[in-house]
């Protein structure tokens, strides 16, 4: 079997929920609110209209739906670990992945429960 024929192996430590939840990404100058592509207890990915610098810290705020219907507000810092140019509705945008840093234990637990309860896990 050649390298390209081998089945891909998921290397992520945590499952991801493919859910569109509101995230606000903030730097010194502005805040951008978009929907996530997926989220896990360690990070998230989203599509942004402009590229962010790799390995740069950004503040984020995330509204995670709970099973009882209310929203859990999570905020913290994340570092950009991947930026890929993608076409969305005929426009070039930037799929961006963040790794969470300085997330308190309560927020981590909220994300773990959300991913566990999600029907759209990978």
C-alpha atoms as a PDB file:
ATOM      1  CA  UNK A   1       0.000   0.000   0.000  1.00  0.00           C
ATOM      2  CA  UNK A   2       1.447   3.375  -0.976  1.00  0.00           C
ATOM      3  CA  UNK A   3       1.561   6.340   1.381  1.00  0.00           C
ATOM      4  CA  UNK A   4      -1.379   8.005  -0.400  1.00  0.00           C
ATOM      5  CA  UNK A   5      -3.508   4.840  -0.137  1.00  0.00           C
ATOM      6  CA  UNK A   6      -3.155   4.446   3.613  1.00  0.00           C
ATOM      7  CA  UNK A   7      -6.297   5.297   5.543  1.00  0.00           C
ATOM      8  CA  UNK A   8      -6.050   8.584   7.388  1.00  0.00           C
ATOM      9  CA  UNK A   9      -5.728   8.348  11.143  1.00  0.00           C
ATOM     10  CA  UNK A  10      -7.267  10.982  13.385  1.00  0.00           C
ATOM     11  CA  UNK A  11      -4.474  12.359  15.531  1.00  0.00           C
ATOM     12  CA  UNK A  12      -6.456  14.873  17.549  1.00  0.00           C
ATOM     13  CA  UNK A  13      -6.595  14.327  21.285  1.00  0.00           C
ATOM     14  CA  UNK A  14     -10.227  15.504  21.494  1.00  0.00           C
ATOM     15  CA  UNK A  15     -13.320  15.023  19.386  1.00  0.00           C
ATOM     16  CA  UNK A  16     -14.620  18.108  17.581  1.00  0.00           C
ATOM     17  CA  UNK A  17     -18.219  19.232  17.262  1.00  0.00           C
ATOM     18  CA  UNK A  18     -19.055  20.640  13.828  1.00  0.00           C
ATOM     19  CA  UNK A  19     -21.315  23.366  15.149  1.00  0.00           C
ATOM     20  CA  UNK A  20     -21.966  26.959  14.145  1.00  0.00           C
ATOM     21  CA  UNK A  21     -21.757  28.911  17.377  1.00  0.00           C
ATOM     22  CA  UNK A  22     -21.018  32.593  17.777  1.00  0.00           C
ATOM     23  CA  UNK A  23     -17.398  33.531  18.423  1.00  0.00           C
ATOM     24  CA  UNK A  24     -15.928  37.007  18.694  1.00  0.00           C
ATOM     25  CA  UNK A  25     -12.197  37.341  17.966  1.00  0.00           C
ATOM     26  CA  UNK A  26     -10.498  40.479  19.287  1.00  0.00           C
ATOM     27  CA  UNK A  27      -7.160  42.132  18.718  1.00  0.00           C
ATOM     28  CA  UNK A  28      -5.928  45.583  19.751  1.00  0.00           C
ATOM     29  CA  UNK A  29      -7.847  47.315  16.971  1.00  0.00           C
ATOM     30  CA  UNK A  30     -11.111  45.498  16.395  1.00  0.00           C
ATOM     31  CA  UNK A  31     -13.483  42.660  17.146  1.00  0.00           C
ATOM     32  CA  UNK A  32     -14.830  40.280  14.489  1.00  0.00           C
ATOM     33  CA  UNK A  33     -17.882  38.079  15.170  1.00  0.00           C
ATOM     34  CA  UNK A  34     -18.384  34.940  13.086  1.00  0.00           C
ATOM     35  CA  UNK A  35     -19.713  31.393  13.447  1.00  0.00           C
ATOM     36  CA  UNK A  36     -17.388  28.519  14.266  1.00  0.00           C
ATOM     37  CA  UNK A  37     -16.833  25.661  11.819  1.00  0.00           C
ATOM     38  CA  UNK A  38     -16.005  23.308  14.661  1.00  0.00           C
ATOM     39  CA  UNK A  39     -15.053  23.447  18.310  1.00  0.00           C
ATOM     40  CA  UNK A  40     -13.350  21.132  20.816  1.00  0.00           C
ATOM     41  CA  UNK A  41     -12.129  21.550  24.399  1.00  0.00           C
ATOM     42  CA  UNK A  42      -8.710  22.679  23.110  1.00  0.00           C
ATOM     43  CA  UNK A  43      -9.656  25.056  20.311  1.00  0.00           C
ATOM     44  CA  UNK A  44     -11.878  26.065  17.438  1.00  0.00           C
ATOM     45  CA  UNK A  45     -11.836  26.846  13.756  1.00  0.00           C
ATOM     46  CA  UNK A  46     -13.732  29.550  11.933  1.00  0.00           C
ATOM     47  CA  UNK A  47     -13.668  31.406   8.627  1.00  0.00           C
ATOM     48  CA  UNK A  48     -12.566  35.045   8.818  1.00  0.00           C
ATOM     49  CA  UNK A  49     -12.642  37.780   6.174  1.00  0.00           C
ATOM     50  CA  UNK A  50      -8.973  38.666   6.729  1.00  0.00           C
ATOM     51  CA  UNK A  51      -5.902  36.594   7.595  1.00  0.00           C
ATOM     52  CA  UNK A  52      -4.525  36.626  11.126  1.00  0.00           C
ATOM     53  CA  UNK A  53      -0.845  36.188  11.925  1.00  0.00           C
ATOM     54  CA  UNK A  54       0.277  32.673  12.846  1.00  0.00           C
ATOM     55  CA  UNK A  55       1.323  32.089  16.458  1.00  0.00           C
ATOM     56  CA  UNK A  56      -0.242  35.365  17.579  1.00  0.00           C
ATOM     57  CA  UNK A  57      -2.492  35.561  20.661  1.00  0.00           C
ATOM     58  CA  UNK A  58      -6.014  36.889  20.353  1.00  0.00           C
ATOM     59  CA  UNK A  59      -8.820  37.303  22.880  1.00  0.00           C
ATOM     60  CA  UNK A  60     -12.017  35.438  22.113  1.00  0.00           C
ATOM     61  CA  UNK A  61     -15.557  35.226  23.441  1.00  0.00           C
ATOM     62  CA  UNK A  62     -17.628  32.151  22.678  1.00  0.00           C
ATOM     63  CA  UNK A  63     -21.370  31.591  23.289  1.00  0.00           C
ATOM     64  CA  UNK A  64     -21.801  27.849  23.876  1.00  0.00           C
ATOM     65  CA  UNK A  65     -25.388  26.514  24.001  1.00  0.00           C
ATOM     66  CA  UNK A  66     -26.222  24.339  27.011  1.00  0.00           C
ATOM     67  CA  UNK A  67     -28.617  21.385  26.972  1.00  0.00           C
ATOM     68  CA  UNK A  68     -31.156  23.424  29.000  1.00  0.00           C
ATOM     69  CA  UNK A  69     -31.260  26.121  26.307  1.00  0.00           C
ATOM     70  CA  UNK A  70     -29.219  28.899  27.903  1.00  0.00           C
ATOM     71  CA  UNK A  71     -25.855  30.128  26.607  1.00  0.00           C
ATOM     72  CA  UNK A  72     -22.581  29.642  28.460  1.00  0.00           C
ATOM     73  CA  UNK A  73     -20.323  32.618  27.801  1.00  0.00           C
ATOM     74  CA  UNK A  74     -16.664  31.611  27.583  1.00  0.00           C
ATOM     75  CA  UNK A  75     -13.815  34.029  27.122  1.00  0.00           C
ATOM     76  CA  UNK A  76     -10.085  33.575  27.055  1.00  0.00           C
ATOM     77  CA  UNK A  77      -6.998  33.695  24.889  1.00  0.00           C
ATOM     78  CA  UNK A  78      -6.194  31.595  21.873  1.00  0.00           C
ATOM     79  CA  UNK A  79      -3.191  31.350  19.622  1.00  0.00           C
ATOM     80  CA  UNK A  80      -3.547  31.077  15.832  1.00  0.00           C
ATOM     81  CA  UNK A  81      -2.141  27.719  14.736  1.00  0.00           C
ATOM     82  CA  UNK A  82      -3.399  27.500  11.145  1.00  0.00           C
ATOM     83  CA  UNK A  83      -4.570  29.908   8.435  1.00  0.00           C
ATOM     84  CA  UNK A  84      -5.663  28.618   5.023  1.00  0.00           C
ATOM     85  CA  UNK A  85      -7.138  30.657   2.193  1.00  0.00           C
ATOM     86  CA  UNK A  86     -10.529  29.249   1.114  1.00  0.00           C
ATOM     87  CA  UNK A  87     -13.246  30.344  -1.274  1.00  0.00           C
ATOM     88  CA  UNK A  88     -16.636  30.976   0.326  1.00  0.00           C
ATOM     89  CA  UNK A  89     -19.542  32.088  -1.879  1.00  0.00           C
ATOM     90  CA  UNK A  90     -17.125  33.258  -4.555  1.00  0.00           C
ATOM     91  CA  UNK A  91     -14.975  35.312  -2.157  1.00  0.00           C
ATOM     92  CA  UNK A  92     -11.572  34.480  -0.725  1.00  0.00           C
ATOM     93  CA  UNK A  93     -11.669  34.099   3.063  1.00  0.00           C
ATOM     94  CA  UNK A  94      -9.398  32.536   5.674  1.00  0.00           C
ATOM     95  CA  UNK A  95     -10.099  29.329   7.566  1.00  0.00           C
ATOM     96  CA  UNK A  96      -8.402  29.969  10.887  1.00  0.00           C
ATOM     97  CA  UNK A  97      -7.701  27.533  13.731  1.00  0.00           C
ATOM     98  CA  UNK A  98      -7.108  28.645  17.316  1.00  0.00           C
ATOM     99  CA  UNK A  99      -5.575  26.674  20.180  1.00  0.00           C
ATOM    100  CA  UNK A 100      -6.978  27.822  23.523  1.00  0.00           C
ATOM    101  CA  UNK A 101      -4.624  29.171  26.173  1.00  0.00           C
ATOM    102  CA  UNK A 102      -5.479  30.182  29.732  1.00  0.00           C
ATOM    103  CA  UNK A 103      -8.942  28.600  29.691  1.00  0.00           C
ATOM    104  CA  UNK A 104     -10.213  28.032  33.222  1.00  0.00           C
ATOM    105  CA  UNK A 105     -11.339  24.560  34.307  1.00  0.00           C
ATOM    106  CA  UNK A 106     -15.034  25.497  34.352  1.00  0.00           C
ATOM    107  CA  UNK A 107     -14.930  26.713  30.760  1.00  0.00           C
ATOM    108  CA  UNK A 108     -13.008  23.607  29.702  1.00  0.00           C
ATOM    109  CA  UNK A 109     -15.719  21.443  31.284  1.00  0.00           C
ATOM    110  CA  UNK A 110     -18.471  23.377  29.453  1.00  0.00           C
ATOM    111  CA  UNK A 111     -16.713  22.704  26.139  1.00  0.00           C
ATOM    112  CA  UNK A 112     -16.155  19.017  26.946  1.00  0.00           C
ATOM    113  CA  UNK A 113     -19.856  18.578  27.764  1.00  0.00           C
ATOM    114  CA  UNK A 114     -20.919  20.485  24.646  1.00  0.00           C
ATOM    115  CA  UNK A 115     -18.791  18.307  22.361  1.00  0.00           C
ATOM    116  CA  UNK A 116     -19.953  15.132  24.126  1.00  0.00           C
ATOM    117  CA  UNK A 117     -23.628  16.092  23.656  1.00  0.00           C
ATOM    118  CA  UNK A 118     -23.226  17.224  20.043  1.00  0.00           C
ATOM    119  CA  UNK A 119     -24.678  15.071  17.278  1.00  0.00           C
ATOM    120  CA  UNK A 120     -22.116  16.333  14.781  1.00  0.00           C
ATOM    121  CA  UNK A 121     -18.842  15.071  16.237  1.00  0.00           C
ATOM    122  CA  UNK A 122     -15.771  14.043  14.292  1.00  0.00           C
END
